[in-house]
Amino acid sequence: DSEVATDSEQLTGTPHFMAYELLR
């Protein structure tokens, strides 16, 4: 998404079903 800065990526999702890379 060109409208969203890489460093502003927000963690989204339900924690127990989120990808390991995102949580770490």
PDB file of all heavy atoms in Angstrom:
ATOM      1  N   ASP A   1       0.845  -1.178   0.000  1.00  0.00           N
ATOM      2  CA  ASP A   1       0.000   0.000   0.000  1.00  0.00           C
ATOM      3  C   ASP A   1       0.889   1.241   0.000  1.00  0.00           C
ATOM      4  O   ASP A   1       1.559   1.533   0.987  1.00  0.00           O
ATOM      5  CB  ASP A   1      -0.901   0.000   1.240  1.00  0.00           C
ATOM      6  CG  ASP A   1      -2.003   1.057   1.145  1.00  0.00           C
ATOM      7  OD1 ASP A   1      -1.843   1.992   0.340  1.00  0.00           O
ATOM      8  OD2 ASP A   1      -3.000   0.948   1.865  1.00  0.00           O
ATOM      9  N   SER A   2       0.881   1.951  -1.108  1.00  0.00           N
ATOM     10  CA  SER A   2       1.742   3.122  -1.241  1.00  0.00           C
ATOM     11  C   SER A   2       1.302   4.262  -0.324  1.00  0.00           C
ATOM     12  O   SER A   2       2.074   5.184  -0.054  1.00  0.00           O
ATOM     13  CB  SER A   2       1.742   3.615  -2.697  1.00  0.00           C
ATOM     14  OG  SER A   2       0.418   3.937  -3.118  1.00  0.00           O
ATOM     15  N   GLU A   3       0.033   4.196   0.159  1.00  0.00           N
ATOM     16  CA  GLU A   3      -0.467   5.272   1.013  1.00  0.00           C
ATOM     17  C   GLU A   3      -0.089   5.087   2.477  1.00  0.00           C
ATOM     18  O   GLU A   3      -0.324   5.963   3.301  1.00  0.00           O
ATOM     19  CB  GLU A   3      -1.996   5.355   0.887  1.00  0.00           C
ATOM     20  CG  GLU A   3      -2.475   5.682  -0.532  1.00  0.00           C
ATOM     21  CD  GLU A   3      -3.981   5.740  -0.615  1.00  0.00           C
ATOM     22  OE1 GLU A   3      -4.639   5.526   0.420  1.00  0.00           O
ATOM     23  OE2 GLU A   3      -4.506   6.005  -1.718  1.00  0.00           O
ATOM     24  N   VAL A   4       0.477   3.931   2.823  1.00  0.00           N
ATOM     25  CA  VAL A   4       0.834   3.644   4.211  1.00  0.00           C
ATOM     26  C   VAL A   4       2.337   3.510   4.313  1.00  0.00           C
ATOM     27  O   VAL A   4       2.946   2.701   3.603  1.00  0.00           O
ATOM     28  CB  VAL A   4       0.151   2.354   4.707  1.00  0.00           C
ATOM     29  CG1 VAL A   4       0.574   2.047   6.150  1.00  0.00           C
ATOM     30  CG2 VAL A   4      -1.363   2.491   4.622  1.00  0.00           C
ATOM     31  N   ALA A   5       2.950   4.285   5.191  1.00  0.00           N
ATOM     32  CA  ALA A   5       4.391   4.206   5.388  1.00  0.00           C
ATOM     33  C   ALA A   5       4.751   2.887   6.053  1.00  0.00           C
ATOM     34  O   ALA A   5       4.018   2.370   6.895  1.00  0.00           O
ATOM     35  CB  ALA A   5       4.865   5.378   6.252  1.00  0.00           C
ATOM     36  N   THR A   6       5.896   2.329   5.661  1.00  0.00           N
ATOM     37  CA  THR A   6       6.324   1.039   6.195  1.00  0.00           C
ATOM     38  C   THR A   6       6.457   1.077   7.705  1.00  0.00           C
ATOM     39  O   THR A   6       6.050   0.154   8.412  1.00  0.00           O
ATOM     40  CB  THR A   6       7.670   0.631   5.573  1.00  0.00           C
ATOM     41  OG1 THR A   6       7.518   0.544   4.155  1.00  0.00           O
ATOM     42  CG2 THR A   6       8.125  -0.705   6.127  1.00  0.00           C
ATOM     43  N   ASP A   7       6.992   2.156   8.251  1.00  0.00           N
ATOM     44  CA  ASP A   7       7.218   2.230   9.684  1.00  0.00           C
ATOM     45  C   ASP A   7       5.953   2.520  10.483  1.00  0.00           C
ATOM     46  O   ASP A   7       5.977   2.557  11.710  1.00  0.00           O
ATOM     47  CB  ASP A   7       8.281   3.280   9.999  1.00  0.00           C
ATOM     48  CG  ASP A   7       7.912   4.662   9.458  1.00  0.00           C
ATOM     49  OD1 ASP A   7       6.825   4.783   8.866  1.00  0.00           O
ATOM     50  OD2 ASP A   7       8.718   5.601   9.638  1.00  0.00           O
ATOM     51  N   SER A   8       4.809   2.736   9.771  1.00  0.00           N
ATOM     52  CA  SER A   8       3.553   2.986  10.476  1.00  0.00           C
ATOM     53  C   SER A   8       2.636   1.768  10.451  1.00  0.00           C
ATOM     54  O   SER A   8       1.474   1.846  10.829  1.00  0.00           O
ATOM     55  CB  SER A   8       2.823   4.183   9.853  1.00  0.00           C
ATOM     56  OG  SER A   8       2.401   3.882   8.525  1.00  0.00           O
ATOM     57  N   GLU A   9       3.164   0.626  10.004  1.00  0.00           N
ATOM     58  CA  GLU A   9       2.372  -0.599   9.946  1.00  0.00           C
ATOM     59  C   GLU A   9       1.859  -0.949  11.340  1.00  0.00           C
ATOM     60  O   GLU A   9       2.617  -1.074  12.297  1.00  0.00           O
ATOM     61  CB  GLU A   9       3.233  -1.750   9.414  1.00  0.00           C
ATOM     62  CG  GLU A   9       2.537  -3.105   9.383  1.00  0.00           C
ATOM     63  CD  GLU A   9       1.660  -3.291   8.164  1.00  0.00           C
ATOM     64  OE1 GLU A   9       1.517  -2.333   7.397  1.00  0.00           O
ATOM     65  OE2 GLU A   9       1.123  -4.395   7.984  1.00  0.00           O
ATOM     66  N   GLN A  10       0.544  -1.086  11.472  1.00  0.00           N
ATOM     67  CA  GLN A  10      -0.055  -1.420  12.751  1.00  0.00           C
ATOM     68  C   GLN A  10      -0.393  -2.890  12.803  1.00  0.00           C
ATOM     69  O   GLN A  10      -0.814  -3.492  11.817  1.00  0.00           O
ATOM     70  CB  GLN A  10      -1.318  -0.588  12.989  1.00  0.00           C
ATOM     71  CG  GLN A  10      -1.057   0.901  13.142  1.00  0.00           C
ATOM     72  CD  GLN A  10      -2.324   1.670  13.453  1.00  0.00           C
ATOM     73  OE1 GLN A  10      -3.421   1.154  13.310  1.00  0.00           O
ATOM     74  NE2 GLN A  10      -2.170   2.911  13.874  1.00  0.00           N
ATOM     75  N   LEU A  11      -0.195  -3.472  13.988  1.00  0.00           N
ATOM     76  CA  LEU A  11      -0.494  -4.878  14.193  1.00  0.00           C
ATOM     77  C   LEU A  11      -2.002  -5.063  14.226  1.00  0.00           C
ATOM     78  O   LEU A  11      -2.701  -4.415  15.010  1.00  0.00           O
ATOM     79  CB  LEU A  11       0.123  -5.339  15.514  1.00  0.00           C
ATOM     80  CG  LEU A  11       0.298  -6.850  15.715  1.00  0.00           C
ATOM     81  CD1 LEU A  11       1.284  -7.397  14.700  1.00  0.00           C
ATOM     82  CD2 LEU A  11       0.791  -7.122  17.132  1.00  0.00           C
ATOM     83  N   THR A  12      -2.533  -5.919  13.356  1.00  0.00           N
ATOM     84  CA  THR A  12      -3.965  -6.175  13.317  1.00  0.00           C
ATOM     85  C   THR A  12      -4.203  -7.675  13.352  1.00  0.00           C
ATOM     86  O   THR A  12      -3.345  -8.465  12.950  1.00  0.00           O
ATOM     87  CB  THR A  12      -4.609  -5.596  12.044  1.00  0.00           C
ATOM     88  OG1 THR A  12      -4.028  -6.220  10.893  1.00  0.00           O
ATOM     89  CG2 THR A  12      -4.400  -4.097  11.967  1.00  0.00           C
ATOM     90  N   GLY A  13      -5.383  -8.052  13.822  1.00  0.00           N
ATOM     91  CA  GLY A  13      -5.732  -9.459  13.840  1.00  0.00           C
ATOM     92  C   GLY A  13      -6.087  -9.936  15.236  1.00  0.00           C
ATOM     93  O   GLY A  13      -5.985  -9.207  16.222  1.00  0.00           O
ATOM     94  N   THR A  14      -6.543 -11.176  15.310  1.00  0.00           N
ATOM     95  CA  THR A  14      -6.840 -11.825  16.576  1.00  0.00           C
ATOM     96  C   THR A  14      -5.585 -12.548  17.035  1.00  0.00           C
ATOM     97  O   THR A  14      -5.102 -13.445  16.340  1.00  0.00           O
ATOM     98  CB  THR A  14      -8.006 -12.815  16.405  1.00  0.00           C
ATOM     99  OG1 THR A  14      -9.133 -12.098  15.863  1.00  0.00           O
ATOM    100  CG2 THR A  14      -8.395 -13.442  17.728  1.00  0.00           C
ATOM    101  N   PRO A  15      -5.002 -12.182  18.181  1.00  0.00           N
ATOM    102  CA  PRO A  15      -3.650 -12.645  18.555  1.00  0.00           C
ATOM    103  C   PRO A  15      -3.410 -14.129  18.398  1.00  0.00           C
ATOM    104  O   PRO A  15      -2.367 -14.537  17.890  1.00  0.00           O
ATOM    105  CB  PRO A  15      -3.540 -12.209  20.022  1.00  0.00           C
ATOM    106  CG  PRO A  15      -4.397 -11.007  20.108  1.00  0.00           C
ATOM    107  CD  PRO A  15      -5.563 -11.263  19.191  1.00  0.00           C
ATOM    108  N   HIS A  16      -4.349 -14.984  18.807  1.00  0.00           N
ATOM    109  CA  HIS A  16      -4.084 -16.421  18.795  1.00  0.00           C
ATOM    110  C   HIS A  16      -4.120 -17.037  17.403  1.00  0.00           C
ATOM    111  O   HIS A  16      -3.868 -18.224  17.241  1.00  0.00           O
ATOM    112  CB  HIS A  16      -5.068 -17.130  19.724  1.00  0.00           C
ATOM    113  CG  HIS A  16      -4.853 -16.784  21.165  1.00  0.00           C
ATOM    114  ND1 HIS A  16      -5.254 -15.583  21.692  1.00  0.00           N
ATOM    115  CD2 HIS A  16      -4.227 -17.449  22.165  1.00  0.00           C
ATOM    116  CE1 HIS A  16      -4.920 -15.540  22.964  1.00  0.00           C
ATOM    117  NE2 HIS A  16      -4.297 -16.647  23.284  1.00  0.00           N
ATOM    118  N   PHE A  17      -4.434 -16.237  16.394  1.00  0.00           N
ATOM    119  CA  PHE A  17      -4.446 -16.746  15.021  1.00  0.00           C
ATOM    120  C   PHE A  17      -3.576 -15.897  14.099  1.00  0.00           C
ATOM    121  O   PHE A  17      -3.660 -16.024  12.878  1.00  0.00           O
ATOM    122  CB  PHE A  17      -5.888 -16.805  14.501  1.00  0.00           C
ATOM    123  CG  PHE A  17      -6.784 -17.674  15.338  1.00  0.00           C
ATOM    124  CD1 PHE A  17      -7.595 -17.128  16.317  1.00  0.00           C
ATOM    125  CD2 PHE A  17      -6.786 -19.046  15.177  1.00  0.00           C
ATOM    126  CE1 PHE A  17      -8.397 -17.921  17.116  1.00  0.00           C
ATOM    127  CE2 PHE A  17      -7.580 -19.860  15.970  1.00  0.00           C
ATOM    128  CZ  PHE A  17      -8.387 -19.297  16.940  1.00  0.00           C
ATOM    129  N   MET A  18      -2.737 -15.077  14.675  1.00  0.00           N
ATOM    130  CA  MET A  18      -1.868 -14.226  13.876  1.00  0.00           C
ATOM    131  C   MET A  18      -0.562 -14.926  13.539  1.00  0.00           C
ATOM    132  O   MET A  18      -0.111 -15.829  14.262  1.00  0.00           O
ATOM    133  CB  MET A  18      -1.580 -12.918  14.618  1.00  0.00           C
ATOM    134  CG  MET A  18      -2.789 -12.006  14.738  1.00  0.00           C
ATOM    135  SD  MET A  18      -2.460 -10.559  15.767  1.00  0.00           S
ATOM    136  CE  MET A  18      -1.196  -9.754  14.803  1.00  0.00           C
ATOM    137  N   ALA A  19       0.052 -14.495  12.438  1.00  0.00           N
ATOM    138  CA  ALA A  19       1.322 -15.081  11.998  1.00  0.00           C
ATOM    139  C   ALA A  19       2.430 -14.769  12.997  1.00  0.00           C
ATOM    140  O   ALA A  19       2.475 -13.698  13.614  1.00  0.00           O
ATOM    141  CB  ALA A  19       1.684 -14.538  10.615  1.00  0.00           C
ATOM    142  N   TYR A  20       3.307 -15.721  13.153  1.00  0.00           N
ATOM    143  CA  TYR A  20       4.410 -15.617  14.110  1.00  0.00           C
ATOM    144  C   TYR A  20       5.310 -14.419  13.803  1.00  0.00           C
ATOM    145  O   TYR A  20       5.765 -13.716  14.703  1.00  0.00           O
ATOM    146  CB  TYR A  20       5.198 -16.921  14.062  1.00  0.00           C
ATOM    147  CG  TYR A  20       6.315 -17.039  15.076  1.00  0.00           C
ATOM    148  CD1 TYR A  20       6.029 -17.146  16.431  1.00  0.00           C
ATOM    149  CD2 TYR A  20       7.650 -17.056  14.675  1.00  0.00           C
ATOM    150  CE1 TYR A  20       7.043 -17.274  17.361  1.00  0.00           C
ATOM    151  CE2 TYR A  20       8.671 -17.184  15.600  1.00  0.00           C
ATOM    152  CZ  TYR A  20       8.361 -17.284  16.943  1.00  0.00           C
ATOM    153  OH  TYR A  20       9.358 -17.403  17.865  1.00  0.00           O
ATOM    154  N   GLU A  21       5.577 -14.189  12.527  1.00  0.00           N
ATOM    155  CA  GLU A  21       6.431 -13.061  12.153  1.00  0.00           C
ATOM    156  C   GLU A  21       5.830 -11.726  12.600  1.00  0.00           C
ATOM    157  O   GLU A  21       6.553 -10.827  13.048  1.00  0.00           O
ATOM    158  CB  GLU A  21       6.647 -13.037  10.630  1.00  0.00           C
ATOM    159  CG  GLU A  21       7.555 -14.134  10.121  1.00  0.00           C
ATOM    160  CD  GLU A  21       7.836 -13.987   8.631  1.00  0.00           C
ATOM    161  OE1 GLU A  21       7.040 -13.314   7.936  1.00  0.00           O
ATOM    162  OE2 GLU A  21       8.843 -14.538   8.178  1.00  0.00           O
ATOM    163  N   LEU A  22       4.501 -11.606  12.486  1.00  0.00           N
ATOM    164  CA  LEU A  22       3.854 -10.358  12.875  1.00  0.00           C
ATOM    165  C   LEU A  22       3.945 -10.130  14.378  1.00  0.00           C
ATOM    166  O   LEU A  22       4.211  -9.022  14.835  1.00  0.00           O
ATOM    167  CB  LEU A  22       2.384 -10.376  12.444  1.00  0.00           C
ATOM    168  CG  LEU A  22       2.123 -10.417  10.935  1.00  0.00           C
ATOM    169  CD1 LEU A  22       0.641 -10.618  10.665  1.00  0.00           C
ATOM    170  CD2 LEU A  22       2.607  -9.129  10.274  1.00  0.00           C
ATOM    171  N   LEU A  23       3.749 -11.197  15.136  1.00  0.00           N
ATOM    172  CA  LEU A  23       3.797 -11.067  16.585  1.00  0.00           C
ATOM    173  C   LEU A  23       5.201 -10.781  17.092  1.00  0.00           C
ATOM    174  O   LEU A  23       5.383 -10.092  18.093  1.00  0.00           O
ATOM    175  CB  LEU A  23       3.245 -12.329  17.234  1.00  0.00           C
ATOM    176  CG  LEU A  23       1.733 -12.533  17.054  1.00  0.00           C
ATOM    177  CD1 LEU A  23       1.330 -13.940  17.449  1.00  0.00           C
ATOM    178  CD2 LEU A  23       0.957 -11.522  17.880  1.00  0.00           C
ATOM    179  N   ARG A  24       6.193 -11.336  16.398  1.00  0.00           N
ATOM    180  CA  ARG A  24       7.581 -11.096  16.790  1.00  0.00           C
ATOM    181  C   ARG A  24       8.154  -9.826  16.163  1.00  0.00           C
ATOM    182  O   ARG A  24       9.251  -9.390  16.528  1.00  0.00           O
ATOM    183  CB  ARG A  24       8.456 -12.295  16.364  1.00  0.00           C
ATOM    184  CG  ARG A  24       8.254 -13.546  17.194  1.00  0.00           C
ATOM    185  CD  ARG A  24       8.779 -13.362  18.619  1.00  0.00           C
ATOM    186  NE  ARG A  24      10.198 -13.051  18.610  1.00  0.00           N
ATOM    187  CZ  ARG A  24      11.163 -13.969  18.637  1.00  0.00           C
ATOM    188  NH1 ARG A  24      10.848 -15.258  18.663  1.00  0.00           N
ATOM    189  NH2 ARG A  24      12.438 -13.612  18.641  1.00  0.00           N
TER     190      ARG A  24
END
